[in-house]
Amino acid sequence: MRDRVWDIGPISSPCLRWGEVRAGRSHQCPTCHIPLLTGETPGFCCGPKGRRFADVPPLPPLPAEYQLFVNDPSLSSKSRTLNLIFSFASLETTAEFPNWHGAPGFVAIQGRVYHR
C-alpha cells in the first residue's frame, strides 16, 4: 500500500482572514509587516526571524495608471476575470504554433488541468 501523502479533513478555522486582529495586534509578519492569512506562521514570507527578507529586491513602484483600479473595492470580485484576460494575452505570439502529432500533453477535466 502506498504511503498517504495528504489527508483530507475539515480545517480548524473555516473563516480565513488576512491580518486578523488577535489580542489587539494584527496578524502580520514582524519583518515586512505584510498581513498573514489565518493559519500562516510569522516567517512564512521572510523566513525565520526575517533571514530571507533581503534575498529578493523590492518591486518597483506601480505605474500611476494602476491607481485607477488598485484601491477599487470591487477589484477582488473582478480578479478572476482580470486573470483570464492576462493569461490569454500571454498566449499571443507571432511565431507559428507547434503541430504535435498524437495525444495532447494535457487535458482539462472539470476545470482542472492534468499534464502528461
PDB file of N, CA and C in Angstrom:
ATOM      1  N   MET A   1       0.839  -1.187   0.000  1.00  0.00           N
ATOM      2  CA  MET A   1       0.000   0.000   0.000  1.00  0.00           C
ATOM      3  C   MET A   1       0.883   1.250   0.000  1.00  0.00           C
ATOM      4  N   ARG A   2       0.515   2.230  -0.820  1.00  0.00           N
ATOM      5  CA  ARG A   2       1.289   3.468  -0.896  1.00  0.00           C
ATOM      6  C   ARG A   2       1.095   4.295   0.368  1.00  0.00           C
ATOM      7  N   ASP A   3       2.140   5.036   0.715  1.00  0.00           N
ATOM      8  CA  ASP A   3       2.023   5.942   1.854  1.00  0.00           C
ATOM      9  C   ASP A   3       1.058   7.063   1.501  1.00  0.00           C
ATOM     10  N   ARG A   4       0.246   7.444   2.444  1.00  0.00           N
ATOM     11  CA  ARG A   4      -0.673   8.556   2.224  1.00  0.00           C
ATOM     12  C   ARG A   4       0.083   9.861   2.399  1.00  0.00           C
ATOM     13  N   VAL A   5       0.050  10.691   1.387  1.00  0.00           N
ATOM     14  CA  VAL A   5       0.752  11.963   1.443  1.00  0.00           C
ATOM     15  C   VAL A   5      -0.156  13.042   2.002  1.00  0.00           C
ATOM     16  N   TRP A   6      -1.419  13.033   1.600  1.00  0.00           N
ATOM     17  CA  TRP A   6      -2.370  14.064   2.021  1.00  0.00           C
ATOM     18  C   TRP A   6      -3.541  13.421   2.741  1.00  0.00           C
ATOM     19  N   ASP A   7      -3.939  14.025   3.813  1.00  0.00           N
ATOM     20  CA  ASP A   7      -5.172  13.652   4.488  1.00  0.00           C
ATOM     21  C   ASP A   7      -6.158  14.780   4.267  1.00  0.00           C
ATOM     22  N   ILE A   8      -7.362  14.435   3.919  1.00  0.00           N
ATOM     23  CA  ILE A   8      -8.386  15.446   3.698  1.00  0.00           C
ATOM     24  C   ILE A   8      -9.275  15.485   4.923  1.00  0.00           C
ATOM     25  N   GLY A   9      -9.470  16.664   5.437  1.00  0.00           N
ATOM     26  CA  GLY A   9     -10.306  16.823   6.611  1.00  0.00           C
ATOM     27  C   GLY A   9     -10.717  18.274   6.753  1.00  0.00           C
ATOM     28  N   PRO A  10     -11.579  18.546   7.688  1.00  0.00           N
ATOM     29  CA  PRO A  10     -12.029  19.932   7.855  1.00  0.00           C
ATOM     30  C   PRO A  10     -10.892  20.806   8.389  1.00  0.00           C
ATOM     31  N   ILE A  11     -10.875  22.063   7.964  1.00  0.00           N
ATOM     32  CA  ILE A  11      -9.882  22.979   8.509  1.00  0.00           C
ATOM     33  C   ILE A  11     -10.400  23.494   9.845  1.00  0.00           C
ATOM     34  N   SER A  12      -9.478  23.776  10.751  1.00  0.00           N
ATOM     35  CA  SER A  12      -9.878  24.141  12.103  1.00  0.00           C
ATOM     36  C   SER A  12     -10.598  25.475  12.153  1.00  0.00           C
ATOM     37  N   SER A  13     -10.260  26.370  11.250  1.00  0.00           N
ATOM     38  CA  SER A  13     -10.912  27.675  11.228  1.00  0.00           C
ATOM     39  C   SER A  13     -11.352  27.962   9.800  1.00  0.00           C
ATOM     40  N   PRO A  14     -12.582  27.579   9.453  1.00  0.00           N
ATOM     41  CA  PRO A  14     -13.013  27.754   8.066  1.00  0.00           C
ATOM     42  C   PRO A  14     -13.172  29.205   7.644  1.00  0.00           C
ATOM     43  N   CYS A  15     -13.123  30.115   8.575  1.00  0.00           N
ATOM     44  CA  CYS A  15     -13.263  31.535   8.247  1.00  0.00           C
ATOM     45  C   CYS A  15     -11.863  32.145   8.161  1.00  0.00           C
ATOM     46  N   LEU A  16     -11.269  32.087   6.980  1.00  0.00           N
ATOM     47  CA  LEU A  16      -9.916  32.598   6.782  1.00  0.00           C
ATOM     48  C   LEU A  16      -9.953  34.107   6.607  1.00  0.00           C
ATOM     49  N   ARG A  17      -9.010  34.782   7.244  1.00  0.00           N
ATOM     50  CA  ARG A  17      -8.960  36.243   7.174  1.00  0.00           C
ATOM     51  C   ARG A  17      -7.510  36.684   7.043  1.00  0.00           C
ATOM     52  N   TRP A  18      -7.314  37.812   6.361  1.00  0.00           N
ATOM     53  CA  TRP A  18      -5.992  38.427   6.252  1.00  0.00           C
ATOM     54  C   TRP A  18      -5.817  39.397   7.403  1.00  0.00           C
ATOM     55  N   GLY A  19      -4.692  39.312   8.109  1.00  0.00           N
ATOM     56  CA  GLY A  19      -4.347  40.281   9.139  1.00  0.00           C
ATOM     57  C   GLY A  19      -5.330  40.352  10.289  1.00  0.00           C
ATOM     58  N   GLU A  20      -5.888  39.214  10.655  1.00  0.00           N
ATOM     59  CA  GLU A  20      -6.874  39.193  11.737  1.00  0.00           C
ATOM     60  C   GLU A  20      -6.262  39.762  13.019  1.00  0.00           C
ATOM     61  N   VAL A  21      -7.041  40.546  13.740  1.00  0.00           N
ATOM     62  CA  VAL A  21      -6.557  41.140  14.986  1.00  0.00           C
ATOM     63  C   VAL A  21      -6.685  40.111  16.101  1.00  0.00           C
ATOM     64  N   ARG A  22      -5.559  39.833  16.753  1.00  0.00           N
ATOM     65  CA  ARG A  22      -5.508  38.889  17.870  1.00  0.00           C
ATOM     66  C   ARG A  22      -4.866  39.584  19.058  1.00  0.00           C
ATOM     67  N   ALA A  23      -5.542  39.562  20.160  1.00  0.00           N
ATOM     68  CA  ALA A  23      -5.036  40.196  21.384  1.00  0.00           C
ATOM     69  C   ALA A  23      -4.583  41.628  21.109  1.00  0.00           C
ATOM     70  N   GLY A  24      -5.360  42.351  20.293  1.00  0.00           N
ATOM     71  CA  GLY A  24      -5.066  43.741  19.994  1.00  0.00           C
ATOM     72  C   GLY A  24      -3.969  43.970  18.964  1.00  0.00           C
ATOM     73  N   ARG A  25      -3.417  42.890  18.389  1.00  0.00           N
ATOM     74  CA  ARG A  25      -2.367  43.024  17.386  1.00  0.00           C
ATOM     75  C   ARG A  25      -2.806  42.376  16.079  1.00  0.00           C
ATOM     76  N   SER A  26      -2.450  43.009  14.967  1.00  0.00           N
ATOM     77  CA  SER A  26      -2.759  42.465  13.647  1.00  0.00           C
ATOM     78  C   SER A  26      -1.830  41.296  13.360  1.00  0.00           C
ATOM     79  N   HIS A  27      -2.385  40.201  12.818  1.00  0.00           N
ATOM     80  CA  HIS A  27      -1.579  39.017  12.468  1.00  0.00           C
ATOM     81  C   HIS A  27      -0.802  39.341  11.200  1.00  0.00           C
ATOM     82  N   GLN A  28       0.482  39.671  11.384  1.00  0.00           N
ATOM     83  CA  GLN A  28       1.317  40.072  10.263  1.00  0.00           C
ATOM     84  C   GLN A  28       2.745  39.627  10.494  1.00  0.00           C
ATOM     85  N   CYS A  29       3.533  39.674   9.426  1.00  0.00           N
ATOM     86  CA  CYS A  29       4.949  39.323   9.518  1.00  0.00           C
ATOM     87  C   CYS A  29       5.649  40.414  10.334  1.00  0.00           C
ATOM     88  N   PRO A  30       6.434  40.044  11.343  1.00  0.00           N
ATOM     89  CA  PRO A  30       7.121  41.066  12.135  1.00  0.00           C
ATOM     90  C   PRO A  30       8.248  41.769  11.365  1.00  0.00           C
ATOM     91  N   THR A  31       8.679  41.195  10.249  1.00  0.00           N
ATOM     92  CA  THR A  31       9.769  41.787   9.474  1.00  0.00           C
ATOM     93  C   THR A  31       9.250  42.745   8.404  1.00  0.00           C
ATOM     94  N   CYS A  32       8.390  42.248   7.510  1.00  0.00           N
ATOM     95  CA  CYS A  32       7.916  43.084   6.392  1.00  0.00           C
ATOM     96  C   CYS A  32       6.522  43.665   6.631  1.00  0.00           C
ATOM     97  N   HIS A  33       5.862  43.225   7.689  1.00  0.00           N
ATOM     98  CA  HIS A  33       4.547  43.716   8.110  1.00  0.00           C
ATOM     99  C   HIS A  33       3.425  43.412   7.128  1.00  0.00           C
ATOM    100  N   ILE A  34       3.629  42.428   6.242  1.00  0.00           N
ATOM    101  CA  ILE A  34       2.553  42.034   5.339  1.00  0.00           C
ATOM    102  C   ILE A  34       1.511  41.258   6.149  1.00  0.00           C
ATOM    103  N   PRO A  35       0.222  41.527   5.921  1.00  0.00           N
ATOM    104  CA  PRO A  35      -0.804  40.772   6.656  1.00  0.00           C
ATOM    105  C   PRO A  35      -0.734  39.288   6.297  1.00  0.00           C
ATOM    106  N   LEU A  36      -0.840  38.435   7.301  1.00  0.00           N
ATOM    107  CA  LEU A  36      -0.799  36.993   7.090  1.00  0.00           C
ATOM    108  C   LEU A  36      -2.210  36.423   7.148  1.00  0.00           C
ATOM    109  N   LEU A  37      -2.411  35.337   6.421  1.00  0.00           N
ATOM    110  CA  LEU A  37      -3.691  34.645   6.396  1.00  0.00           C
ATOM    111  C   LEU A  37      -3.814  33.784   7.647  1.00  0.00           C
ATOM    112  N   THR A  38      -5.033  33.589   8.105  1.00  0.00           N
ATOM    113  CA  THR A  38      -5.279  32.722   9.248  1.00  0.00           C
ATOM    114  C   THR A  38      -4.529  31.414   9.058  1.00  0.00           C
ATOM    115  N   GLY A  39      -3.763  31.000  10.049  1.00  0.00           N
ATOM    116  CA  GLY A  39      -3.022  29.749   9.988  1.00  0.00           C
ATOM    117  C   GLY A  39      -1.591  29.888   9.522  1.00  0.00           C
ATOM    118  N   GLU A  40      -1.247  30.991   8.859  1.00  0.00           N
ATOM    119  CA  GLU A  40       0.142  31.199   8.445  1.00  0.00           C
ATOM    120  C   GLU A  40       0.961  31.635   9.655  1.00  0.00           C
ATOM    121  N   THR A  41       2.163  31.114   9.754  1.00  0.00           N
ATOM    122  CA  THR A  41       3.026  31.481  10.871  1.00  0.00           C
ATOM    123  C   THR A  41       3.957  32.599  10.451  1.00  0.00           C
ATOM    124  N   PRO A  42       4.313  33.478  11.374  1.00  0.00           N
ATOM    125  CA  PRO A  42       5.292  34.515  11.035  1.00  0.00           C
ATOM    126  C   PRO A  42       6.564  33.858  10.505  1.00  0.00           C
ATOM    127  N   GLY A  43       7.152  34.474   9.502  1.00  0.00           N
ATOM    128  CA  GLY A  43       8.320  33.892   8.853  1.00  0.00           C
ATOM    129  C   GLY A  43       7.951  33.176   7.570  1.00  0.00           C
ATOM    130  N   PHE A  44       6.661  33.024   7.316  1.00  0.00           N
ATOM    131  CA  PHE A  44       6.185  32.366   6.105  1.00  0.00           C
ATOM    132  C   PHE A  44       6.718  33.082   4.860  1.00  0.00           C
ATOM    133  N   CYS A  45       6.762  34.411   4.904  1.00  0.00           N
ATOM    134  CA  CYS A  45       7.178  35.174   3.729  1.00  0.00           C
ATOM    135  C   CYS A  45       8.664  35.535   3.752  1.00  0.00           C
ATOM    136  N   CYS A  46       9.205  35.867   4.909  1.00  0.00           N
ATOM    137  CA  CYS A  46      10.575  36.379   5.006  1.00  0.00           C
ATOM    138  C   CYS A  46      11.561  35.400   5.614  1.00  0.00           C
ATOM    139  N   GLY A  47      11.098  34.206   5.930  1.00  0.00           N
ATOM    140  CA  GLY A  47      11.976  33.225   6.555  1.00  0.00           C
ATOM    141  C   GLY A  47      12.011  33.419   8.063  1.00  0.00           C
ATOM    142  N   PRO A  48      12.554  32.449   8.770  1.00  0.00           N
ATOM    143  CA  PRO A  48      12.622  32.550  10.234  1.00  0.00           C
ATOM    144  C   PRO A  48      13.387  33.804  10.667  1.00  0.00           C
ATOM    145  N   LYS A  49      12.796  34.591  11.520  1.00  0.00           N
ATOM    146  CA  LYS A  49      13.385  35.832  12.056  1.00  0.00           C
ATOM    147  C   LYS A  49      13.849  36.780  10.948  1.00  0.00           C
ATOM    148  N   GLY A  50      13.177  36.728   9.784  1.00  0.00           N
ATOM    149  CA  GLY A  50      13.467  37.646   8.684  1.00  0.00           C
ATOM    150  C   GLY A  50      14.757  37.377   7.940  1.00  0.00           C
ATOM    151  N   ARG A  51      15.314  36.177   8.057  1.00  0.00           N
ATOM    152  CA  ARG A  51      16.608  35.873   7.421  1.00  0.00           C
ATOM    153  C   ARG A  51      16.575  35.969   5.902  1.00  0.00           C
ATOM    154  N   ARG A  52      15.431  35.779   5.288  1.00  0.00           N
ATOM    155  CA  ARG A  52      15.335  35.797   3.819  1.00  0.00           C
ATOM    156  C   ARG A  52      14.822  37.132   3.266  1.00  0.00           C
ATOM    157  N   PHE A  53      14.595  38.097   4.138  1.00  0.00           N
ATOM    158  CA  PHE A  53      13.999  39.372   3.730  1.00  0.00           C
ATOM    159  C   PHE A  53      14.802  40.072   2.639  1.00  0.00           C
ATOM    160  N   ALA A  54      16.120  40.080   2.733  1.00  0.00           N
ATOM    161  CA  ALA A  54      16.970  40.798   1.768  1.00  0.00           C
ATOM    162  C   ALA A  54      17.300  39.964   0.535  1.00  0.00           C
ATOM    163  N   ASP A  55      16.815  38.719   0.459  1.00  0.00           N
ATOM    164  CA  ASP A  55      17.131  37.857  -0.684  1.00  0.00           C
ATOM    165  C   ASP A  55      16.482  38.323  -1.984  1.00  0.00           C
ATOM    166  N   VAL A  56      15.390  39.032  -1.883  1.00  0.00           N
ATOM    167  CA  VAL A  56      14.652  39.479  -3.066  1.00  0.00           C
ATOM    168  C   VAL A  56      14.575  41.003  -3.039  1.00  0.00           C
ATOM    169  N   PRO A  57      15.019  41.668  -4.117  1.00  0.00           N
ATOM    170  CA  PRO A  57      14.949  43.137  -4.120  1.00  0.00           C
ATOM    171  C   PRO A  57      13.493  43.593  -4.145  1.00  0.00           C
ATOM    172  N   PRO A  58      13.217  44.769  -3.574  1.00  0.00           N
ATOM    173  CA  PRO A  58      11.836  45.270  -3.579  1.00  0.00           C
ATOM    174  C   PRO A  58      11.349  45.531  -5.004  1.00  0.00           C
ATOM    175  N   LEU A  59      10.056  45.398  -5.196  1.00  0.00           N
ATOM    176  CA  LEU A  59       9.459  45.673  -6.504  1.00  0.00           C
ATOM    177  C   LEU A  59       9.480  47.170  -6.776  1.00  0.00           C
ATOM    178  N   PRO A  60       9.569  47.559  -8.048  1.00  0.00           N
ATOM    179  CA  PRO A  60       9.488  48.993  -8.361  1.00  0.00           C
ATOM    180  C   PRO A  60       8.066  49.487  -8.094  1.00  0.00           C
ATOM    181  N   PRO A  61       7.888  50.789  -7.962  1.00  0.00           N
ATOM    182  CA  PRO A  61       6.538  51.308  -7.738  1.00  0.00           C
ATOM    183  C   PRO A  61       5.623  50.997  -8.923  1.00  0.00           C
ATOM    184  N   LEU A  62       4.347  50.849  -8.642  1.00  0.00           N
ATOM    185  CA  LEU A  62       3.376  50.599  -9.708  1.00  0.00           C
ATOM    186  C   LEU A  62       3.232  51.837 -10.577  1.00  0.00           C
ATOM    187  N   PRO A  63       2.976  51.666 -11.867  1.00  0.00           N
ATOM    188  CA  PRO A  63       2.728  52.834 -12.729  1.00  0.00           C
ATOM    189  C   PRO A  63       1.523  53.629 -12.227  1.00  0.00           C
ATOM    190  N   ALA A  64       1.550  54.913 -12.439  1.00  0.00           N
ATOM    191  CA  ALA A  64       0.478  55.804 -11.961  1.00  0.00           C
ATOM    192  C   ALA A  64      -0.888  55.367 -12.492  1.00  0.00           C
ATOM    193  N   GLU A  65      -0.931  54.792 -13.696  1.00  0.00           N
ATOM    194  CA  GLU A  65      -2.208  54.376 -14.285  1.00  0.00           C
ATOM    195  C   GLU A  65      -2.899  53.295 -13.449  1.00  0.00           C
ATOM    196  N   TYR A  66      -2.140  52.541 -12.683  1.00  0.00           N
ATOM    197  CA  TYR A  66      -2.720  51.465 -11.871  1.00  0.00           C
ATOM    198  C   TYR A  66      -3.567  51.999 -10.726  1.00  0.00           C
ATOM    199  N   GLN A  67      -3.313  53.241 -10.301  1.00  0.00           N
ATOM    200  CA  GLN A  67      -4.069  53.799  -9.183  1.00  0.00           C
ATOM    201  C   GLN A  67      -5.567  53.858  -9.486  1.00  0.00           C
ATOM    202  N   LEU A  68      -5.910  53.848 -10.760  1.00  0.00           N
ATOM    203  CA  LEU A  68      -7.313  53.865 -11.170  1.00  0.00           C
ATOM    204  C   LEU A  68      -8.075  52.670 -10.609  1.00  0.00           C
ATOM    205  N   PHE A  69      -7.416  51.512 -10.510  1.00  0.00           N
ATOM    206  CA  PHE A  69      -8.125  50.318 -10.046  1.00  0.00           C
ATOM    207  C   PHE A  69      -7.541  49.656  -8.795  1.00  0.00           C
ATOM    208  N   VAL A  70      -6.330  49.987  -8.396  1.00  0.00           N
ATOM    209  CA  VAL A  70      -5.695  49.303  -7.265  1.00  0.00           C
ATOM    210  C   VAL A  70      -6.513  49.414  -5.984  1.00  0.00           C
ATOM    211  N   ASN A  71      -7.081  50.558  -5.718  1.00  0.00           N
ATOM    212  CA  ASN A  71      -7.851  50.761  -4.492  1.00  0.00           C
ATOM    213  C   ASN A  71      -9.352  50.602  -4.702  1.00  0.00           C
ATOM    214  N   ASP A  72      -9.748  50.066  -5.839  1.00  0.00           N
ATOM    215  CA  ASP A  72     -11.167  49.843  -6.132  1.00  0.00           C
ATOM    216  C   ASP A  72     -11.691  48.733  -5.217  1.00  0.00           C
ATOM    217  N   PRO A  73     -12.740  48.995  -4.434  1.00  0.00           N
ATOM    218  CA  PRO A  73     -13.247  47.964  -3.522  1.00  0.00           C
ATOM    219  C   PRO A  73     -13.803  46.725  -4.233  1.00  0.00           C
ATOM    220  N   SER A  74     -14.114  46.830  -5.520  1.00  0.00           N
ATOM    221  CA  SER A  74     -14.652  45.670  -6.243  1.00  0.00           C
ATOM    222  C   SER A  74     -13.558  44.905  -6.996  1.00  0.00           C
ATOM    223  N   LEU A  75     -12.292  45.269  -6.794  1.00  0.00           N
ATOM    224  CA  LEU A  75     -11.192  44.611  -7.511  1.00  0.00           C
ATOM    225  C   LEU A  75     -11.152  43.116  -7.241  1.00  0.00           C
ATOM    226  N   SER A  76     -11.348  42.724  -5.995  1.00  0.00           N
ATOM    227  CA  SER A  76     -11.279  41.305  -5.641  1.00  0.00           C
ATOM    228  C   SER A  76     -12.318  40.493  -6.405  1.00  0.00           C
ATOM    229  N   SER A  77     -13.519  41.018  -6.543  1.00  0.00           N
ATOM    230  CA  SER A  77     -14.561  40.277  -7.252  1.00  0.00           C
ATOM    231  C   SER A  77     -14.281  40.181  -8.748  1.00  0.00           C
ATOM    232  N   LYS A  78     -13.414  41.046  -9.250  1.00  0.00           N
ATOM    233  CA  LYS A  78     -13.068  41.028 -10.678  1.00  0.00           C
ATOM    234  C   LYS A  78     -11.749  40.311 -10.950  1.00  0.00           C
ATOM    235  N   SER A  79     -11.104  39.779  -9.903  1.00  0.00           N
ATOM    236  CA  SER A  79      -9.764  39.213 -10.067  1.00  0.00           C
ATOM    237  C   SER A  79      -9.737  38.032 -11.024  1.00  0.00           C
ATOM    238  N   ARG A  80     -10.756  37.187 -11.000  1.00  0.00           N
ATOM    239  CA  ARG A  80     -10.763  36.030 -11.904  1.00  0.00           C
ATOM    240  C   ARG A  80     -10.842  36.488 -13.364  1.00  0.00           C
ATOM    241  N   THR A  81     -11.679  37.468 -13.637  1.00  0.00           N
ATOM    242  CA  THR A  81     -11.801  37.994 -14.996  1.00  0.00           C
ATOM    243  C   THR A  81     -10.473  38.608 -15.447  1.00  0.00           C
ATOM    244  N   LEU A  82      -9.861  39.405 -14.583  1.00  0.00           N
ATOM    245  CA  LEU A  82      -8.577  40.020 -14.930  1.00  0.00           C
ATOM    246  C   LEU A  82      -7.512  38.954 -15.180  1.00  0.00           C
ATOM    247  N   ASN A  83      -7.492  37.932 -14.356  1.00  0.00           N
ATOM    248  CA  ASN A  83      -6.523  36.853 -14.528  1.00  0.00           C
ATOM    249  C   ASN A  83      -6.722  36.166 -15.878  1.00  0.00           C
ATOM    250  N   LEU A  84      -7.963  35.913 -16.249  1.00  0.00           N
ATOM    251  CA  LEU A  84      -8.238  35.274 -17.538  1.00  0.00           C
ATOM    252  C   LEU A  84      -7.814  36.161 -18.704  1.00  0.00           C
ATOM    253  N   ILE A  85      -8.064  37.456 -18.589  1.00  0.00           N
ATOM    254  CA  ILE A  85      -7.670  38.388 -19.653  1.00  0.00           C
ATOM    255  C   ILE A  85      -6.160  38.329 -19.863  1.00  0.00           C
ATOM    256  N   PHE A  86      -5.398  38.413 -18.769  1.00  0.00           N
ATOM    257  CA  PHE A  86      -3.943  38.433 -18.892  1.00  0.00           C
ATOM    258  C   PHE A  86      -3.374  37.074 -19.257  1.00  0.00           C
ATOM    259  N   SER A  87      -4.024  35.987 -18.842  1.00  0.00           N
ATOM    260  CA  SER A  87      -3.500  34.675 -19.222  1.00  0.00           C
ATOM    261  C   SER A  87      -3.678  34.440 -20.714  1.00  0.00           C
ATOM    262  N   PHE A  88      -4.782  34.921 -21.295  1.00  0.00           N
ATOM    263  CA  PHE A  88      -4.958  34.781 -22.739  1.00  0.00           C
ATOM    264  C   PHE A  88      -4.040  35.736 -23.488  1.00  0.00           C
ATOM    265  N   ALA A  89      -3.775  36.908 -22.922  1.00  0.00           N
ATOM    266  CA  ALA A  89      -2.867  37.852 -23.568  1.00  0.00           C
ATOM    267  C   ALA A  89      -1.466  37.268 -23.657  1.00  0.00           C
ATOM    268  N   SER A  90      -1.074  36.461 -22.671  1.00  0.00           N
ATOM    269  CA  SER A  90       0.266  35.886 -22.692  1.00  0.00           C
ATOM    270  C   SER A  90       0.410  34.783 -23.738  1.00  0.00           C
ATOM    271  N   LEU A  91      -0.702  34.322 -24.296  1.00  0.00           N
ATOM    272  CA  LEU A  91      -0.647  33.291 -25.326  1.00  0.00           C
ATOM    273  C   LEU A  91      -0.362  33.856 -26.713  1.00  0.00           C
ATOM    274  N   GLU A  92      -0.440  35.164 -26.867  1.00  0.00           N
ATOM    275  CA  GLU A  92      -0.253  35.780 -28.172  1.00  0.00           C
ATOM    276  C   GLU A  92       1.196  35.610 -28.636  1.00  0.00           C
ATOM    277  N   THR A  93       1.348  35.292 -29.900  1.00  0.00           N
ATOM    278  CA  THR A  93       2.693  35.150 -30.471  1.00  0.00           C
ATOM    279  C   THR A  93       2.633  35.393 -31.974  1.00  0.00           C
ATOM    280  N   THR A  94       3.768  35.777 -32.527  1.00  0.00           N
ATOM    281  CA  THR A  94       3.852  35.916 -33.984  1.00  0.00           C
ATOM    282  C   THR A  94       4.494  34.666 -34.588  1.00  0.00           C
ATOM    283  N   ALA A  95       5.017  33.806 -33.725  1.00  0.00           N
ATOM    284  CA  ALA A  95       5.631  32.571 -34.200  1.00  0.00           C
ATOM    285  C   ALA A  95       4.562  31.525 -34.500  1.00  0.00           C
ATOM    286  N   GLU A  96       4.920  30.581 -35.344  1.00  0.00           N
ATOM    287  CA  GLU A  96       3.995  29.509 -35.684  1.00  0.00           C
ATOM    288  C   GLU A  96       3.861  28.554 -34.497  1.00  0.00           C
ATOM    289  N   PHE A  97       2.627  28.138 -34.207  1.00  0.00           N
ATOM    290  CA  PHE A  97       2.409  27.199 -33.121  1.00  0.00           C
ATOM    291  C   PHE A  97       2.888  25.814 -33.544  1.00  0.00           C
ATOM    292  N   PRO A  98       3.489  25.075 -32.618  1.00  0.00           N
ATOM    293  CA  PRO A  98       3.944  23.729 -32.982  1.00  0.00           C
ATOM    294  C   PRO A  98       2.772  22.812 -33.285  1.00  0.00           C
ATOM    295  N   ASN A  99       2.975  21.884 -34.178  1.00  0.00           N
ATOM    296  CA  ASN A  99       1.944  20.918 -34.536  1.00  0.00           C
ATOM    297  C   ASN A  99       2.349  19.574 -33.950  1.00  0.00           C
ATOM    298  N   TRP A 100       1.740  19.228 -32.817  1.00  0.00           N
ATOM    299  CA  TRP A 100       2.073  17.967 -32.149  1.00  0.00           C
ATOM    300  C   TRP A 100       1.275  16.840 -32.745  1.00  0.00           C
ATOM    301  N   HIS A 101       1.929  15.747 -33.004  1.00  0.00           N
ATOM    302  CA  HIS A 101       1.240  14.569 -33.503  1.00  0.00           C
ATOM    303  C   HIS A 101       0.970  13.648 -32.318  1.00  0.00           C
ATOM    304  N   GLY A 102      -0.219  13.164 -32.207  1.00  0.00           N
ATOM    305  CA  GLY A 102      -0.566  12.295 -31.082  1.00  0.00           C
ATOM    306  C   GLY A 102      -1.437  13.018 -30.073  1.00  0.00           C
ATOM    307  N   ALA A 103      -1.535  12.427 -28.913  1.00  0.00           N
ATOM    308  CA  ALA A 103      -2.399  12.973 -27.866  1.00  0.00           C
ATOM    309  C   ALA A 103      -1.821  14.273 -27.321  1.00  0.00           C
ATOM    310  N   PRO A 104      -2.694  15.160 -26.824  1.00  0.00           N
ATOM    311  CA  PRO A 104      -2.190  16.406 -26.248  1.00  0.00           C
ATOM    312  C   PRO A 104      -1.407  16.135 -24.967  1.00  0.00           C
ATOM    313  N   GLY A 105      -0.546  17.072 -24.606  1.00  0.00           N
ATOM    314  CA  GLY A 105       0.266  16.929 -23.402  1.00  0.00           C
ATOM    315  C   GLY A 105      -0.491  17.228 -22.138  1.00  0.00           C
ATOM    316  N   PHE A 106      -1.721  17.709 -22.264  1.00  0.00           N
ATOM    317  CA  PHE A 106      -2.526  17.991 -21.087  1.00  0.00           C
ATOM    318  C   PHE A 106      -3.992  17.794 -21.436  1.00  0.00           C
ATOM    319  N   VAL A 107      -4.795  17.660 -20.414  1.00  0.00           N
ATOM    320  CA  VAL A 107      -6.237  17.557 -20.601  1.00  0.00           C
ATOM    321  C   VAL A 107      -6.894  18.273 -19.427  1.00  0.00           C
ATOM    322  N   ALA A 108      -8.011  18.931 -19.661  1.00  0.00           N
ATOM    323  CA  ALA A 108      -8.743  19.607 -18.588  1.00  0.00           C
ATOM    324  C   ALA A 108     -10.018  18.821 -18.310  1.00  0.00           C
ATOM    325  N   ILE A 109     -10.206  18.483 -17.058  1.00  0.00           N
ATOM    326  CA  ILE A 109     -11.418  17.779 -16.620  1.00  0.00           C
ATOM    327  C   ILE A 109     -12.023  18.600 -15.501  1.00  0.00           C
ATOM    328  N   GLN A 110     -13.231  19.052 -15.705  1.00  0.00           N
ATOM    329  CA  GLN A 110     -13.953  19.890 -14.741  1.00  0.00           C
ATOM    330  C   GLN A 110     -13.105  21.064 -14.276  1.00  0.00           C
ATOM    331  N   GLY A 111     -12.424  21.707 -15.214  1.00  0.00           N
ATOM    332  CA  GLY A 111     -11.660  22.906 -14.909  1.00  0.00           C
ATOM    333  C   GLY A 111     -10.285  22.670 -14.325  1.00  0.00           C
ATOM    334  N   ARG A 112      -9.882  21.432 -14.116  1.00  0.00           N
ATOM    335  CA  ARG A 112      -8.551  21.128 -13.576  1.00  0.00           C
ATOM    336  C   ARG A 112      -7.677  20.612 -14.706  1.00  0.00           C
ATOM    337  N   VAL A 113      -6.469  21.151 -14.805  1.00  0.00           N
ATOM    338  CA  VAL A 113      -5.567  20.764 -15.885  1.00  0.00           C
ATOM    339  C   VAL A 113      -4.632  19.668 -15.381  1.00  0.00           C
ATOM    340  N   TYR A 114      -4.572  18.588 -16.147  1.00  0.00           N
ATOM    341  CA  TYR A 114      -3.699  17.466 -15.826  1.00  0.00           C
ATOM    342  C   TYR A 114      -2.652  17.360 -16.933  1.00  0.00           C
ATOM    343  N   HIS A 115      -1.371  17.272 -16.533  1.00  0.00           N
ATOM    344  CA  HIS A 115      -0.279  17.190 -17.507  1.00  0.00           C
ATOM    345  C   HIS A 115       0.183  15.759 -17.661  1.00  0.00           C
ATOM    346  N   ARG A 116       0.709  15.496 -18.839  1.00  0.00           N
ATOM    347  CA  ARG A 116       1.244  14.175 -19.157  1.00  0.00           C
ATOM    348  C   ARG A 116       2.529  13.953 -18.415  1.00  0.00           C
TER     349      ARG A 116
END
